Amino acid sequence: MSIKEFFKNAFNDMKEDAKAQHELDKAQFNAVKAESKAQWEEAKAMGRPETRKAMMKDIRQTQIKEANERTLLAQERIEKTKK
């Protein structure tokens, strides 16, 4: 391989890497942009009382469900130790 071919290959590799990195950067930028807009819309929605109440109700229901599952698991552990 001559030096000319070596540099030609090296520069072609760098060009391909730059294109790939650019595509990655564009995709990541679009993802961050979409996440930012989603956060803005969520924050804006939190200003409406009905939205906030519904969200808090969902969170409480989820927490109640998780607490009940933990209680059942604890009861099972208690029963296992009594045997």
N, C-alpha and C. Protein backbone atom coordinates (compact mmCIF):
# COMPACT_ATOMS: atom_id res chain seq x y z
N MET A 1 0.85 -1.17 0.00
CA MET A 1 0.00 0.00 0.00
C MET A 1 0.90 1.23 0.00
N SER A 2 0.59 2.11 -0.91
CA SER A 2 1.39 3.34 -0.99
C SER A 2 0.88 4.36 0.03
N ILE A 3 1.66 5.35 0.26
CA ILE A 3 1.28 6.41 1.20
C ILE A 3 0.04 7.13 0.70
N LYS A 4 -0.06 7.32 -0.61
CA LYS A 4 -1.22 7.98 -1.20
C LYS A 4 -2.50 7.19 -0.88
N GLU A 5 -2.45 5.88 -1.06
CA GLU A 5 -3.62 5.04 -0.76
C GLU A 5 -3.94 5.05 0.73
N PHE A 6 -2.89 5.04 1.54
CA PHE A 6 -3.08 5.06 2.98
C PHE A 6 -3.86 6.31 3.40
N PHE A 7 -3.41 7.47 2.93
CA PHE A 7 -4.08 8.71 3.29
C PHE A 7 -5.47 8.80 2.68
N LYS A 8 -5.62 8.28 1.47
CA LYS A 8 -6.94 8.28 0.83
C LYS A 8 -7.92 7.45 1.67
N ASN A 9 -7.50 6.27 2.11
CA ASN A 9 -8.33 5.41 2.97
C ASN A 9 -8.61 6.07 4.31
N ALA A 10 -7.59 6.69 4.87
CA ALA A 10 -7.74 7.33 6.18
C ALA A 10 -8.76 8.47 6.09
N PHE A 11 -8.66 9.29 5.05
CA PHE A 11 -9.59 10.41 4.92
C PHE A 11 -11.00 9.92 4.59
N ASN A 12 -11.12 8.85 3.84
CA ASN A 12 -12.45 8.29 3.58
C ASN A 12 -13.07 7.75 4.87
N ASP A 13 -12.26 7.10 5.69
CA ASP A 13 -12.75 6.61 6.98
C ASP A 13 -13.21 7.75 7.87
N MET A 14 -12.42 8.83 7.90
CA MET A 14 -12.79 9.99 8.70
C MET A 14 -14.08 10.62 8.19
N LYS A 15 -14.24 10.65 6.86
CA LYS A 15 -15.45 11.21 6.27
C LYS A 15 -16.67 10.39 6.67
N GLU A 16 -16.56 9.07 6.59
CA GLU A 16 -17.66 8.19 6.98
C GLU A 16 -17.98 8.32 8.46
N ASP A 17 -16.94 8.40 9.28
CA ASP A 17 -17.15 8.56 10.72
C ASP A 17 -17.84 9.89 11.02
N ALA A 18 -17.45 10.95 10.32
CA ALA A 18 -18.07 12.26 10.52
C ALA A 18 -19.55 12.22 10.14
N LYS A 19 -19.86 11.55 9.03
CA LYS A 19 -21.26 11.44 8.61
C LYS A 19 -22.07 10.66 9.65
N ALA A 20 -21.51 9.56 10.12
CA ALA A 20 -22.20 8.74 11.12
C ALA A 20 -22.41 9.53 12.42
N GLN A 21 -21.39 10.27 12.83
CA GLN A 21 -21.50 11.07 14.05
C GLN A 21 -22.55 12.17 13.87
N HIS A 22 -22.60 12.74 12.68
CA HIS A 22 -23.59 13.78 12.41
C HIS A 22 -25.01 13.21 12.51
N GLU A 23 -25.22 12.03 11.97
CA GLU A 23 -26.53 11.38 12.06
C GLU A 23 -26.90 11.11 13.53
N LEU A 24 -25.93 10.64 14.30
CA LEU A 24 -26.15 10.40 15.72
C LEU A 24 -26.50 11.69 16.44
N ASP A 25 -25.75 12.74 16.15
CA ASP A 25 -26.02 14.03 16.79
C ASP A 25 -27.41 14.55 16.45
N LYS A 26 -27.82 14.41 15.18
CA LYS A 26 -29.15 14.85 14.78
C LYS A 26 -30.23 14.07 15.52
N ALA A 27 -30.05 12.76 15.62
CA ALA A 27 -31.04 11.92 16.30
C ALA A 27 -31.13 12.29 17.78
N GLN A 28 -29.98 12.48 18.42
CA GLN A 28 -29.98 12.84 19.83
C GLN A 28 -30.58 14.22 20.05
N PHE A 29 -30.29 15.16 19.16
CA PHE A 29 -30.85 16.50 19.26
C PHE A 29 -32.37 16.44 19.16
N ASN A 30 -32.88 15.68 18.20
CA ASN A 30 -34.33 15.56 18.03
C ASN A 30 -34.98 14.91 19.25
N ALA A 31 -34.29 13.93 19.85
CA ALA A 31 -34.82 13.27 21.05
C ALA A 31 -34.89 14.26 22.21
N VAL A 32 -33.83 15.02 22.41
CA VAL A 32 -33.81 16.00 23.50
C VAL A 32 -34.87 17.07 23.26
N LYS A 33 -35.01 17.49 22.02
CA LYS A 33 -36.01 18.49 21.67
C LYS A 33 -37.42 17.98 21.98
N ALA A 34 -37.71 16.74 21.62
CA ALA A 34 -39.02 16.16 21.88
C ALA A 34 -39.26 16.00 23.38
N GLU A 35 -38.23 15.56 24.12
CA GLU A 35 -38.37 15.41 25.57
C GLU A 35 -38.63 16.76 26.23
N SER A 36 -37.93 17.78 25.76
CA SER A 36 -38.11 19.12 26.30
C SER A 36 -39.53 19.62 26.06
N LYS A 37 -40.04 19.39 24.86
CA LYS A 37 -41.41 19.80 24.55
C LYS A 37 -42.40 19.03 25.42
N ALA A 38 -42.16 17.74 25.62
CA ALA A 38 -43.05 16.94 26.46
C ALA A 38 -43.06 17.47 27.89
N GLN A 39 -41.88 17.82 28.41
CA GLN A 39 -41.80 18.35 29.77
C GLN A 39 -42.55 19.68 29.85
N TRP A 40 -42.40 20.51 28.82
CA TRP A 40 -43.10 21.80 28.80
C TRP A 40 -44.61 21.59 28.80
N GLU A 41 -45.08 20.68 27.96
CA GLU A 41 -46.51 20.42 27.89
C GLU A 41 -47.03 19.85 29.21
N GLU A 42 -46.24 18.98 29.85
CA GLU A 42 -46.65 18.43 31.15
C GLU A 42 -46.71 19.53 32.20
N ALA A 43 -45.71 20.41 32.19
CA ALA A 43 -45.70 21.51 33.16
C ALA A 43 -46.88 22.45 32.92
N LYS A 44 -47.18 22.71 31.67
CA LYS A 44 -48.31 23.57 31.32
C LYS A 44 -49.62 22.92 31.77
N ALA A 45 -49.72 21.61 31.59
CA ALA A 45 -50.94 20.90 31.98
C ALA A 45 -51.11 20.88 33.50
N MET A 46 -50.00 20.90 34.22
CA MET A 46 -50.08 20.88 35.68
C MET A 46 -50.70 22.16 36.22
N GLY A 47 -50.75 23.21 35.41
CA GLY A 47 -51.38 24.45 35.82
C GLY A 47 -52.90 24.34 35.86
N ARG A 48 -53.45 23.34 35.20
CA ARG A 48 -54.90 23.15 35.20
C ARG A 48 -55.26 22.22 36.36
N PRO A 49 -56.16 22.66 37.22
CA PRO A 49 -56.49 21.86 38.41
C PRO A 49 -57.01 20.46 38.08
N GLU A 50 -57.84 20.32 37.05
CA GLU A 50 -58.41 19.01 36.75
C GLU A 50 -57.33 18.03 36.30
N THR A 51 -56.35 18.52 35.56
CA THR A 51 -55.25 17.66 35.12
C THR A 51 -54.40 17.22 36.31
N ARG A 52 -54.11 18.17 37.17
CA ARG A 52 -53.30 17.86 38.36
C ARG A 52 -54.02 16.86 39.26
N LYS A 53 -55.31 17.06 39.47
CA LYS A 53 -56.06 16.14 40.32
C LYS A 53 -56.07 14.73 39.73
N ALA A 54 -56.26 14.63 38.43
CA ALA A 54 -56.30 13.31 37.78
C ALA A 54 -54.94 12.63 37.89
N MET A 55 -53.87 13.39 37.69
CA MET A 55 -52.54 12.81 37.78
C MET A 55 -52.24 12.35 39.21
N MET A 56 -52.59 13.18 40.18
CA MET A 56 -52.34 12.82 41.57
C MET A 56 -53.17 11.59 41.96
N LYS A 57 -54.39 11.49 41.44
CA LYS A 57 -55.22 10.32 41.71
C LYS A 57 -54.57 9.06 41.16
N ASP A 58 -54.05 9.14 39.94
CA ASP A 58 -53.36 7.99 39.34
C ASP A 58 -52.14 7.59 40.16
N ILE A 59 -51.38 8.58 40.60
CA ILE A 59 -50.18 8.30 41.40
C ILE A 59 -50.57 7.62 42.71
N ARG A 60 -51.61 8.14 43.36
CA ARG A 60 -52.05 7.53 44.62
C ARG A 60 -52.54 6.10 44.42
N GLN A 61 -53.29 5.87 43.33
CA GLN A 61 -53.77 4.52 43.06
C GLN A 61 -52.61 3.55 42.84
N THR A 62 -51.59 4.00 42.13
CA THR A 62 -50.41 3.18 41.89
C THR A 62 -49.70 2.87 43.21
N GLN A 63 -49.56 3.89 44.05
CA GLN A 63 -48.89 3.70 45.33
C GLN A 63 -49.68 2.76 46.23
N ILE A 64 -51.00 2.87 46.21
CA ILE A 64 -51.84 1.98 47.01
C ILE A 64 -51.67 0.54 46.53
N LYS A 65 -51.67 0.36 45.22
CA LYS A 65 -51.50 -0.98 44.65
C LYS A 65 -50.15 -1.58 45.07
N GLU A 66 -49.09 -0.77 44.96
CA GLU A 66 -47.76 -1.25 45.35
C GLU A 66 -47.70 -1.59 46.84
N ALA A 67 -48.33 -0.76 47.67
CA ALA A 67 -48.34 -1.01 49.11
C ALA A 67 -49.09 -2.29 49.43
N ASN A 68 -50.20 -2.52 48.75
CA ASN A 68 -50.96 -3.76 48.97
C ASN A 68 -50.15 -4.99 48.56
N GLU A 69 -49.43 -4.87 47.45
CA GLU A 69 -48.58 -5.99 47.02
C GLU A 69 -47.48 -6.26 48.04
N ARG A 70 -46.88 -5.21 48.57
CA ARG A 70 -45.84 -5.38 49.58
C ARG A 70 -46.41 -6.03 50.84
N THR A 71 -47.64 -5.64 51.19
CA THR A 71 -48.29 -6.22 52.37
C THR A 71 -48.51 -7.71 52.16
N LEU A 72 -48.99 -8.08 50.97
CA LEU A 72 -49.21 -9.51 50.69
C LEU A 72 -47.90 -10.29 50.74
N LEU A 73 -46.84 -9.73 50.19
CA LEU A 73 -45.54 -10.40 50.24
C LEU A 73 -45.06 -10.56 51.68
N ALA A 74 -45.27 -9.53 52.48
CA ALA A 74 -44.87 -9.62 53.88
C ALA A 74 -45.68 -10.67 54.62
N GLN A 75 -46.97 -10.75 54.33
CA GLN A 75 -47.82 -11.76 54.96
C GLN A 75 -47.36 -13.17 54.58
N GLU A 76 -46.99 -13.35 53.32
CA GLU A 76 -46.49 -14.65 52.88
C GLU A 76 -45.21 -15.02 53.61
N ARG A 77 -44.34 -14.05 53.79
CA ARG A 77 -43.09 -14.30 54.52
C ARG A 77 -43.38 -14.68 55.97
N ILE A 78 -44.37 -14.00 56.56
CA ILE A 78 -44.74 -14.30 57.94
C ILE A 78 -45.27 -15.74 58.03
N GLU A 79 -46.11 -16.12 57.10
CA GLU A 79 -46.67 -17.46 57.10
C GLU A 79 -45.57 -18.52 56.92
N LYS A 80 -44.60 -18.24 56.07
CA LYS A 80 -43.49 -19.19 55.85
C LYS A 80 -42.69 -19.39 57.12
N THR A 81 -42.49 -18.32 57.88
CA THR A 81 -41.68 -18.45 59.09
C THR A 81 -42.44 -19.18 60.20
N LYS A 82 -43.75 -19.14 60.17
CA LYS A 82 -44.53 -19.82 61.20
C LYS A 82 -44.59 -21.32 61.00
N LYS A 83 -44.29 -21.80 59.81
CA LYS A 83 -44.38 -23.23 59.51
C LYS A 83 -43.21 -23.98 60.06
